[in-house]
C-alpha atoms as a PDB file:
ATOM      1  CA  MET A   1       2.944  13.730  27.374  1.00  0.00           C
ATOM      2  CA  ARG A   2       4.818  17.080  26.906  1.00  0.00           C
ATOM      3  CA  LEU A   3       3.689  20.515  27.360  1.00  0.00           C
ATOM      4  CA  ALA A   4       4.029  23.935  25.806  1.00  0.00           C
ATOM      5  CA  ASN A   5       2.043  26.699  26.298  1.00  0.00           C
ATOM      6  CA  THR A   6       1.872  30.560  26.141  1.00  0.00           C
ATOM      7  CA  ASN A   7      -1.113  33.170  27.050  1.00  0.00           C
ATOM      8  CA  ASP A   8      -3.346  31.857  24.443  1.00  0.00           C
ATOM      9  CA  VAL A   9      -1.859  28.712  22.754  1.00  0.00           C
ATOM     10  CA  SER A  10      -1.712  25.371  24.838  1.00  0.00           C
ATOM     11  CA  ILE A  11       0.046  22.350  23.336  1.00  0.00           C
ATOM     12  CA  GLU A  12       0.643  18.703  24.488  1.00  0.00           C
ATOM     13  CA  LEU A  13       2.040  15.899  22.220  1.00  0.00           C
ATOM     14  CA  LEU A  14       0.409  12.585  22.755  1.00  0.00           C
ATOM     15  CA  PRO A  15       2.289   9.291  22.276  1.00  0.00           C
ATOM     16  CA  CYS A  16       1.912   6.386  20.099  1.00  0.00           C
ATOM     17  CA  ALA A  17      -0.142   4.490  22.431  1.00  0.00           C
ATOM     18  CA  ALA A  18      -3.636   2.302  22.410  1.00  0.00           C
ATOM     19  CA  TYR A  19      -6.289   4.689  23.812  1.00  0.00           C
ATOM     20  CA  SER A  20     -10.296   4.999  24.443  1.00  0.00           C
ATOM     21  CA  VAL A  21     -11.618   8.588  25.408  1.00  0.00           C
ATOM     22  CA  SER A  22     -15.419   9.818  25.973  1.00  0.00           C
ATOM     23  CA  TYR A  23     -15.689  13.612  26.295  1.00  0.00           C
ATOM     24  CA  THR A  24     -17.685  17.310  26.000  1.00  0.00           C
ATOM     25  CA  SER A  25     -14.874  19.360  24.032  1.00  0.00           C
ATOM     26  CA  ASN A  26     -14.825  22.652  26.400  1.00  0.00           C
ATOM     27  CA  GLU A  27     -12.488  24.427  23.728  1.00  0.00           C
ATOM     28  CA  SER A  28     -11.830  24.088  19.980  1.00  0.00           C
ATOM     29  CA  GLY A  29      -8.970  21.775  19.511  1.00  0.00           C
ATOM     30  CA  ILE A  30      -6.638  20.985  16.236  1.00  0.00           C
ATOM     31  CA  GLY A  31      -4.953  17.964  16.071  1.00  0.00           C
ATOM     32  CA  PHE A  32      -2.121  17.265  13.749  1.00  0.00           C
ATOM     33  CA  ALA A  33      -1.450  13.434  13.651  1.00  0.00           C
ATOM     34  CA  PHE A  34       2.169  12.586  12.910  1.00  0.00           C
ATOM     35  CA  ASP A  35       1.235   8.798  12.277  1.00  0.00           C
ATOM     36  CA  SER A  36      -1.569   7.155  10.875  1.00  0.00           C
ATOM     37  CA  GLN A  37      -4.437   6.208  13.234  1.00  0.00           C
ATOM     38  CA  LYS A  38      -7.275   3.576  12.711  1.00  0.00           C
ATOM     39  CA  GLY A  39     -10.089   3.001  15.252  1.00  0.00           C
ATOM     40  CA  THR A  40     -13.705   3.735  16.128  1.00  0.00           C
ATOM     41  CA  HIS A  41     -15.067   7.164  16.726  1.00  0.00           C
ATOM     42  CA  ALA A  42     -18.290   9.424  17.370  1.00  0.00           C
ATOM     43  CA  LEU A  43     -17.899  13.042  16.399  1.00  0.00           C
ATOM     44  CA  GLY A  44     -21.083  15.029  17.554  1.00  0.00           C
ATOM     45  CA  THR A  45     -23.143  12.008  17.356  1.00  0.00           C
ATOM     46  CA  ASP A  46     -23.884   8.851  19.224  1.00  0.00           C
ATOM     47  CA  ARG A  47     -23.372   7.044  16.085  1.00  0.00           C
ATOM     48  CA  ARG A  48     -19.713   4.817  16.348  1.00  0.00           C
ATOM     49  CA  HIS A  49     -18.357   3.796  13.237  1.00  0.00           C
ATOM     50  CA  ARG A  50     -14.441   2.680  11.792  1.00  0.00           C
ATOM     51  CA  PHE A  51     -11.940   5.490  11.278  1.00  0.00           C
ATOM     52  CA  TYR A  52      -9.099   5.975   9.277  1.00  0.00           C
ATOM     53  CA  ARG A  53      -6.601   8.701   9.545  1.00  0.00           C
ATOM     54  CA  PRO A  54      -3.757   9.253   7.865  1.00  0.00           C
ATOM     55  CA  ALA A  55      -0.444  10.715   8.543  1.00  0.00           C
ATOM     56  CA  ASN A  56      -0.033  14.205   8.113  1.00  0.00           C
ATOM     57  CA  SER A  57      -3.408  14.927   8.562  1.00  0.00           C
ATOM     58  CA  LEU A  58      -5.147  17.784  10.772  1.00  0.00           C
ATOM     59  CA  ALA A  59      -8.658  17.789  12.646  1.00  0.00           C
ATOM     60  CA  LEU A  60     -10.700  20.243  14.075  1.00  0.00           C
ATOM     61  CA  VAL A  61     -12.861  19.583  16.911  1.00  0.00           C
ATOM     62  CA  PRO A  62     -14.886  22.537  17.740  1.00  0.00           C
ATOM     63  CA  ALA A  63     -16.036  23.634  21.352  1.00  0.00           C
ATOM     64  CA  GLY A  64     -19.135  21.909  22.948  1.00  0.00           C
ATOM     65  CA  CYS A  65     -18.440  18.510  20.204  1.00  0.00           C
ATOM     66  CA  ASP A  66     -18.997  15.075  22.217  1.00  0.00           C
ATOM     67  CA  VAL A  67     -16.205  12.897  21.015  1.00  0.00           C
ATOM     68  CA  PHE A  68     -15.848   9.684  21.447  1.00  0.00           C
ATOM     69  CA  SER A  69     -12.661   7.884  19.901  1.00  0.00           C
ATOM     70  CA  GLU A  70     -10.885   4.550  20.731  1.00  0.00           C
ATOM     71  CA  SER A  71      -8.000   2.634  19.049  1.00  0.00           C
ATOM     72  CA  GLU A  72      -5.980  -0.385  19.701  1.00  0.00           C
ATOM     73  CA  GLN A  73      -2.700   1.428  18.513  1.00  0.00           C
ATOM     74  CA  GLY A  74      -2.990   5.125  18.737  1.00  0.00           C
ATOM     75  CA  GLY A  75      -0.682   7.105  16.818  1.00  0.00           C
ATOM     76  CA  GLU A  76       1.645  10.536  17.983  1.00  0.00           C
ATOM     77  CA  TYR A  77      -0.432  13.300  18.166  1.00  0.00           C
ATOM     78  CA  LEU A  78      -0.029  16.806  18.466  1.00  0.00           C
ATOM     79  CA  ARG A  79      -3.092  18.775  20.116  1.00  0.00           C
ATOM     80  CA  VAL A  80      -3.480  22.512  19.857  1.00  0.00           C
ATOM     81  CA  LEU A  81      -5.513  24.847  22.024  1.00  0.00           C
ATOM     82  CA  MET A  82      -5.993  28.069  20.797  1.00  0.00           C
ATOM     83  CA  SER A  83      -7.820  31.144  22.003  1.00  0.00           C
ATOM     84  CA  PRO A  84     -11.149  31.826  20.701  1.00  0.00           C
ATOM     85  CA  GLU A  85      -9.675  34.843  18.720  1.00  0.00           C
ATOM     86  CA  ARG A  86      -6.904  32.608  16.592  1.00  0.00           C
ATOM     87  CA  LEU A  87      -9.763  30.070  15.945  1.00  0.00           C
ATOM     88  CA  SER A  88     -12.361  32.946  14.515  1.00  0.00           C
ATOM     89  CA  MET A  89     -10.073  32.870  11.697  1.00  0.00           C
ATOM     90  CA  ILE A  90     -10.706  29.523  10.648  1.00  0.00           C
ATOM     91  CA  ASN A  91     -13.906  29.279   8.040  1.00  0.00           C
ATOM     92  CA  ASN A  92     -14.368  25.514   8.792  1.00  0.00           C
ATOM     93  CA  THR A  93     -16.496  24.874  11.940  1.00  0.00           C
ATOM     94  CA  GLN A  94     -16.792  21.445  11.470  1.00  0.00           C
ATOM     95  CA  PRO A  95     -14.731  18.514  12.510  1.00  0.00           C
ATOM     96  CA  SER A  96     -12.963  17.821   9.531  1.00  0.00           C
ATOM     97  CA  ASN A  97      -9.060  16.058   8.295  1.00  0.00           C
ATOM     98  CA  PRO A  98      -7.350  17.488   5.617  1.00  0.00           C
ATOM     99  CA  THR A  99      -4.016  16.880   4.483  1.00  0.00           C
ATOM    100  CA  ALA A 100      -1.455  19.456   6.214  1.00  0.00           C
ATOM    101  CA  ASN A 101       0.334  21.111   3.205  1.00  0.00           C
ATOM    102  CA  PRO A 102       4.680  20.912   3.741  1.00  0.00           C
ATOM    103  CA  HIS A 103       5.227  24.107   5.364  1.00  0.00           C
ATOM    104  CA  CYS A 104       2.637  23.133   8.463  1.00  0.00           C
ATOM    105  CA  ILE A 105       4.562  19.533   8.285  1.00  0.00           C
ATOM    106  CA  THR A 106       7.952  20.909   8.689  1.00  0.00           C
ATOM    107  CA  ILE A 107       6.467  23.817  11.717  1.00  0.00           C
ATOM    108  CA  ALA A 108       4.964  20.873  13.472  1.00  0.00           C
ATOM    109  CA  GLN A 109       7.627  18.524  13.122  1.00  0.00           C
ATOM    110  CA  THR A 110      10.662  21.289  14.767  1.00  0.00           C
ATOM    111  CA  VAL A 111       7.603  21.883  17.571  1.00  0.00           C
ATOM    112  CA  ARG A 112       7.683  17.565  18.397  1.00  0.00           C
ATOM    113  CA  ARG A 113      11.508  17.661  18.066  1.00  0.00           C
ATOM    114  CA  HIS A 114      11.647  20.686  20.577  1.00  0.00           C
ATOM    115  CA  LEU A 115       9.395  18.997  22.700  1.00  0.00           C
ATOM    116  CA  ILE A 116      10.992  15.672  23.050  1.00  0.00           C
ATOM    117  CA  GLY A 117      14.148  17.431  23.328  1.00  0.00           C
ATOM    118  CA  GLY A 118      13.172  19.278  26.103  1.00  0.00           C
ATOM    119  CA  VAL A 119      14.093  22.688  24.418  1.00  0.00           C
ATOM    120  CA  VAL A 120      12.154  25.854  25.421  1.00  0.00           C
ATOM    121  CA  ILE A 121       9.422  26.869  22.947  1.00  0.00           C
ATOM    122  CA  GLU A 122       9.731  30.267  22.276  1.00  0.00           C
ATOM    123  CA  ALA A 123       6.284  31.974  21.472  1.00  0.00           C
ATOM    124  CA  LEU A 124       6.987  33.254  17.922  1.00  0.00           C
ATOM    125  CA  GLN A 125       7.324  29.356  17.163  1.00  0.00           C
ATOM    126  CA  LEU A 126       3.967  28.672  18.701  1.00  0.00           C
ATOM    127  CA  ASP A 127       2.154  31.268  16.524  1.00  0.00           C
ATOM    128  CA  GLU A 128       4.217  30.411  13.342  1.00  0.00           C
ATOM    129  CA  LEU A 129       2.374  26.819  14.204  1.00  0.00           C
ATOM    130  CA  CYS A 130      -0.872  28.274  14.528  1.00  0.00           C
ATOM    131  CA  GLU A 131      -0.692  30.681  11.692  1.00  0.00           C
ATOM    132  CA  SER A 132       0.211  27.341   9.590  1.00  0.00           C
ATOM    133  CA  ILE A 133      -2.760  25.346  10.619  1.00  0.00           C
ATOM    134  CA  ILE A 134      -5.219  28.439  10.231  1.00  0.00           C
ATOM    135  CA  ASP A 135      -3.856  28.895   6.457  1.00  0.00           C
ATOM    136  CA  ASN A 136      -4.109  24.929   6.261  1.00  0.00           C
ATOM    137  CA  LEU A 137      -7.525  24.936   7.012  1.00  0.00           C
ATOM    138  CA  SER A 138      -8.743  27.820   5.690  1.00  0.00           C
ATOM    139  CA  THR A 139      -7.560  27.954   2.502  1.00  0.00           C
ATOM    140  CA  SER A 140      -9.006  25.223  -0.027  1.00  0.00           C
ATOM    141  CA  ILE A 141      -7.327  25.207  -3.303  1.00  0.00           C
ATOM    142  CA  PRO A 142      -8.335  22.767  -5.463  1.00  0.00           C
ATOM    143  CA  SER A 143      -5.945  19.932  -6.704  1.00  0.00           C
ATOM    144  CA  ARG A 144      -5.285  18.476 -10.323  1.00  0.00           C
ATOM    145  CA  VAL A 145      -4.363  15.480  -8.874  1.00  0.00           C
ATOM    146  CA  SER A 146      -6.309  12.971  -7.910  1.00  0.00           C
ATOM    147  CA  PRO A 147      -5.106  11.476  -4.265  1.00  0.00           C
ATOM    148  CA  PHE A 148      -5.405   8.266  -3.061  1.00  0.00           C
ATOM    149  CA  ASN A 149      -8.431   7.120  -0.898  1.00  0.00           C
ATOM    150  CA  LYS A 150      -8.609   5.784   1.979  1.00  0.00           C
ATOM    151  CA  GLN A 151      -8.075   2.175   1.362  1.00  0.00           C
ATOM    152  CA  GLN A 152      -4.962   2.892  -1.219  1.00  0.00           C
ATOM    153  CA  LEU A 153      -3.423   4.532   1.844  1.00  0.00           C
ATOM    154  CA  ARG A 154      -4.037   1.752   3.958  1.00  0.00           C
ATOM    155  CA  ASN A 155      -2.829  -0.610   1.576  1.00  0.00           C
ATOM    156  CA  LEU A 156       0.607   1.630   0.964  1.00  0.00           C
ATOM    157  CA  GLU A 157       1.054   2.164   4.846  1.00  0.00           C
ATOM    158  CA  GLU A 158       1.009  -2.159   5.561  1.00  0.00           C
ATOM    159  CA  PHE A 159       3.189  -2.621   2.231  1.00  0.00           C
ATOM    160  CA  ILE A 160       5.887  -0.076   3.490  1.00  0.00           C
ATOM    161  CA  ASP A 161       5.862  -1.304   6.933  1.00  0.00           C
ATOM    162  CA  ALA A 162       5.996  -5.275   5.741  1.00  0.00           C
ATOM    163  CA  HIS A 163       8.872  -4.227   3.712  1.00  0.00           C
ATOM    164  CA  LEU A 164      11.219  -1.337   5.905  1.00  0.00           C
ATOM    165  CA  THR A 165      14.088  -3.891   5.820  1.00  0.00           C
ATOM    166  CA  GLN A 166      13.866  -3.395   2.042  1.00  0.00           C
ATOM    167  CA  ASN A 167      15.613  -0.528  -0.143  1.00  0.00           C
ATOM    168  CA  LEU A 168      11.818   0.884  -1.587  1.00  0.00           C
ATOM    169  CA  THR A 169      11.974   3.162  -4.684  1.00  0.00           C
ATOM    170  CA  VAL A 170       9.138   4.891  -6.206  1.00  0.00           C
ATOM    171  CA  ALA A 171       8.998   2.135  -8.773  1.00  0.00           C
ATOM    172  CA  THR A 172       8.388  -0.577  -6.095  1.00  0.00           C
ATOM    173  CA  LEU A 173       5.406   1.518  -4.273  1.00  0.00           C
ATOM    174  CA  SER A 174       4.001   2.443  -7.368  1.00  0.00           C
ATOM    175  CA  GLN A 175       3.347  -1.180  -8.229  1.00  0.00           C
ATOM    176  CA  VAL A 176       0.776  -1.338  -5.067  1.00  0.00           C
ATOM    177  CA  ILE A 177      -1.277   1.203  -6.725  1.00  0.00           C
ATOM    178  CA  PRO A 178      -0.458   0.566 -10.326  1.00  0.00           C
ATOM    179  CA  CYS A 179       0.500   3.799 -12.083  1.00  0.00           C
ATOM    180  CA  SER A 180       3.276   5.372 -13.642  1.00  0.00           C
ATOM    181  CA  VAL A 181       6.147   6.814 -11.468  1.00  0.00           C
ATOM    182  CA  GLY A 182       5.663  10.086 -11.686  1.00  0.00           C
ATOM    183  CA  HIS A 183       1.942  10.174 -11.186  1.00  0.00           C
ATOM    184  CA  PHE A 184       2.634   7.932  -8.256  1.00  0.00           C
ATOM    185  CA  SER A 185       4.781  10.582  -6.411  1.00  0.00           C
ATOM    186  CA  ARG A 186       2.307  13.768  -7.342  1.00  0.00           C
ATOM    187  CA  ARG A 187      -0.390  11.597  -5.600  1.00  0.00           C
ATOM    188  CA  PHE A 188       1.335  10.704  -2.533  1.00  0.00           C
ATOM    189  CA  LYS A 189       2.299  14.092  -1.963  1.00  0.00           C
ATOM    190  CA  ALA A 190      -1.349  15.074  -2.718  1.00  0.00           C
ATOM    191  CA  SER A 191      -2.587  12.337  -0.163  1.00  0.00           C
ATOM    192  CA  LEU A 192      -0.007  13.265   2.592  1.00  0.00           C
ATOM    193  CA  GLY A 193       1.959  16.054   1.842  1.00  0.00           C
ATOM    194  CA  THR A 194       5.276  14.651   1.895  1.00  0.00           C
ATOM    195  CA  SER A 195       7.280  12.761  -0.658  1.00  0.00           C
ATOM    196  CA  PRO A 196       7.432   8.800  -0.386  1.00  0.00           C
ATOM    197  CA  PHE A 197      10.709   9.336   0.640  1.00  0.00           C
ATOM    198  CA  ASP A 198      10.253  11.187   3.490  1.00  0.00           C
ATOM    199  CA  TYR A 199       7.029   9.203   5.028  1.00  0.00           C
ATOM    200  CA  VAL A 200       9.118   5.852   4.510  1.00  0.00           C
ATOM    201  CA  ILE A 201      11.676   7.791   7.110  1.00  0.00           C
ATOM    202  CA  GLN A 202       9.421   8.637   9.391  1.00  0.00           C
ATOM    203  CA  ARG A 203       7.680   5.351   9.788  1.00  0.00           C
ATOM    204  CA  ARG A 204      11.232   3.887  10.287  1.00  0.00           C
ATOM    205  CA  LEU A 205      11.552   6.320  12.511  1.00  0.00           C
ATOM    206  CA  THR A 206       8.335   5.485  13.937  1.00  0.00           C
ATOM    207  CA  HIS A 207       8.948   1.249  14.639  1.00  0.00           C
ATOM    208  CA  ALA A 208      12.237   2.381  16.062  1.00  0.00           C
ATOM    209  CA  ARG A 209      10.941   4.852  18.607  1.00  0.00           C
ATOM    210  CA  GLN A 210       8.833   1.633  19.497  1.00  0.00           C
ATOM    211  CA  TYR A 211      11.475  -1.331  19.728  1.00  0.00           C
ATOM    212  CA  ILE A 212      13.584   1.276  21.827  1.00  0.00           C
ATOM    213  CA  ARG A 213      10.582   1.919  24.358  1.00  0.00           C
ATOM    214  CA  HIS A 214       9.187  -1.070  24.698  1.00  0.00           C
ATOM    215  CA  THR A 215      12.078  -4.273  24.219  1.00  0.00           C
ATOM    216  CA  GLN A 216      15.911  -4.577  25.198  1.00  0.00           C
ATOM    217  CA  ARG A 217      17.057  -5.199  21.726  1.00  0.00           C
ATOM    218  CA  SER A 218      20.332  -3.600  20.810  1.00  0.00           C
ATOM    219  CA  LEU A 219      20.447  -0.311  19.087  1.00  0.00           C
ATOM    220  CA  GLY A 220      22.157  -1.933  16.187  1.00  0.00           C
ATOM    221  CA  ASP A 221      19.357  -4.894  16.046  1.00  0.00           C
ATOM    222  CA  ILE A 222      17.199  -2.073  16.035  1.00  0.00           C
ATOM    223  CA  ALA A 223      18.192  -0.199  13.458  1.00  0.00           C
ATOM    224  CA  LEU A 224      18.757  -3.011  11.013  1.00  0.00           C
ATOM    225  CA  LEU A 225      15.383  -4.396  12.061  1.00  0.00           C
ATOM    226  CA  CYS A 226      13.937  -0.714  11.039  1.00  0.00           C
ATOM    227  CA  GLY A 227      15.277  -0.442   7.811  1.00  0.00           C
ATOM    228  CA  PHE A 228      18.299   1.895   8.851  1.00  0.00           C
ATOM    229  CA  THR A 229      21.635   0.920   7.132  1.00  0.00           C
ATOM    230  CA  SER A 230      23.131   1.446  10.499  1.00  0.00           C
ATOM    231  CA  HIS A 231      23.066   2.290  14.333  1.00  0.00           C
ATOM    232  CA  ALA A 232      24.880   5.322  12.884  1.00  0.00           C
ATOM    233  CA  HIS A 233      22.312   6.079  10.062  1.00  0.00           C
ATOM    234  CA  MET A 234      19.392   5.621  12.299  1.00  0.00           C
ATOM    235  CA  SER A 235      21.322   8.160  15.376  1.00  0.00           C
ATOM    236  CA  MET A 236      21.457  11.070  12.742  1.00  0.00           C
ATOM    237  CA  VAL A 237      17.908  10.697  11.741  1.00  0.00           C
ATOM    238  CA  PHE A 238      17.033  10.685  15.263  1.00  0.00           C
ATOM    239  CA  ARG A 239      19.082  13.732  16.201  1.00  0.00           C
ATOM    240  CA  LYS A 240      17.755  15.563  12.881  1.00  0.00           C
ATOM    241  CA  SER A 241      13.856  14.750  13.485  1.00  0.00           C
ATOM    242  CA  LEU A 242      13.633  14.235  17.115  1.00  0.00           C
ATOM    243  CA  GLY A 243      16.614  16.576  18.545  1.00  0.00           C
ATOM    244  CA  ILE A 244      18.215  13.377  20.282  1.00  0.00           C
ATOM    245  CA  SER A 245      20.142  10.268  20.005  1.00  0.00           C
ATOM    246  CA  PRO A 246      18.210   6.892  20.410  1.00  0.00           C
ATOM    247  CA  SER A 247      20.551   6.189  23.595  1.00  0.00           C
ATOM    248  CA  GLN A 248      19.081   9.289  24.942  1.00  0.00           C
ATOM    249  CA  LEU A 249      15.306   8.009  24.396  1.00  0.00           C
ATOM    250  CA  ARG A 250      16.016   4.760  26.058  1.00  0.00           C
ATOM    251  CA  LYS A 251      17.573   6.488  28.986  1.00  0.00           C
ATOM    252  CA  GLU A 252      14.005   8.746  29.519  1.00  0.00           C
END
C-alpha cells in the first residue's frame, strides 16, 4: 500500500492481491480500478452477489454505506478520499462503476507512477485527479456506440490474457465478439475508455509485475512470457508506465 495526501484529499494505492473486507465507510470514497476485478460483494445491503468490474472503471461508495467485498485475485486499485466540499459537486450519491474517460485514466496512471516511483505528488496533481473524477461522475454524455456487456468484456479479457505472447491485432480481437474492425475499436473504447493497443500493454504490464514479485524467473524470460519483444522493450514500458525499471521493482 502506498499513500499520498493533502489537507482535503487522501489517496492509497492497493496492490493486485486477494482480499476480503467488511466495514461501514466513515467517509465517501471513490475507487479507480486499474485491473478488472471479480468476486462477491454487497454494497448497502445484506444480499451478496457476484460482481465483475472492468478495468478503468470508477466506483463511488457514499459515507455510511455498509460494504462487503472479497476477491480471490483482486486487482490494483486507487482509492481516493475527498473532503465533503469536493464530493458535494458529484450529483450521483449511489454506488456506481462508470467507465473512466481518457483524461481521467491518464491522470490516474500518472499518480500511480509517482506513487510507485517514490516521487512526491504535488497538491496540484491531486487536485487535477479529483477534478477529473468529479467531472467523470457528474457528467453523463450519451454515447452513440453501444459498449460491450460484462460477459463480452470477460470473454475479451480471458482471450487477451491467454494470447499475450502473440502479436495481437484489432482484427484478431474483433473475432471474439464478431463485428467489423472499426466498430469493434469504437465499442472497445466506449467500454474501457482506452484503445485495444493500450489495454493489451497494460495487461502485459500487470502480468509481468506479478511474475517479478512472485517468481524467480529471469527478467528476459518474463518479458517473453508476457508478450514483450525483449527485456529492453519491457523495461521501456515499465519506465514509461510506472517510473521504475523491472529490476528496481524486483529489489523492493
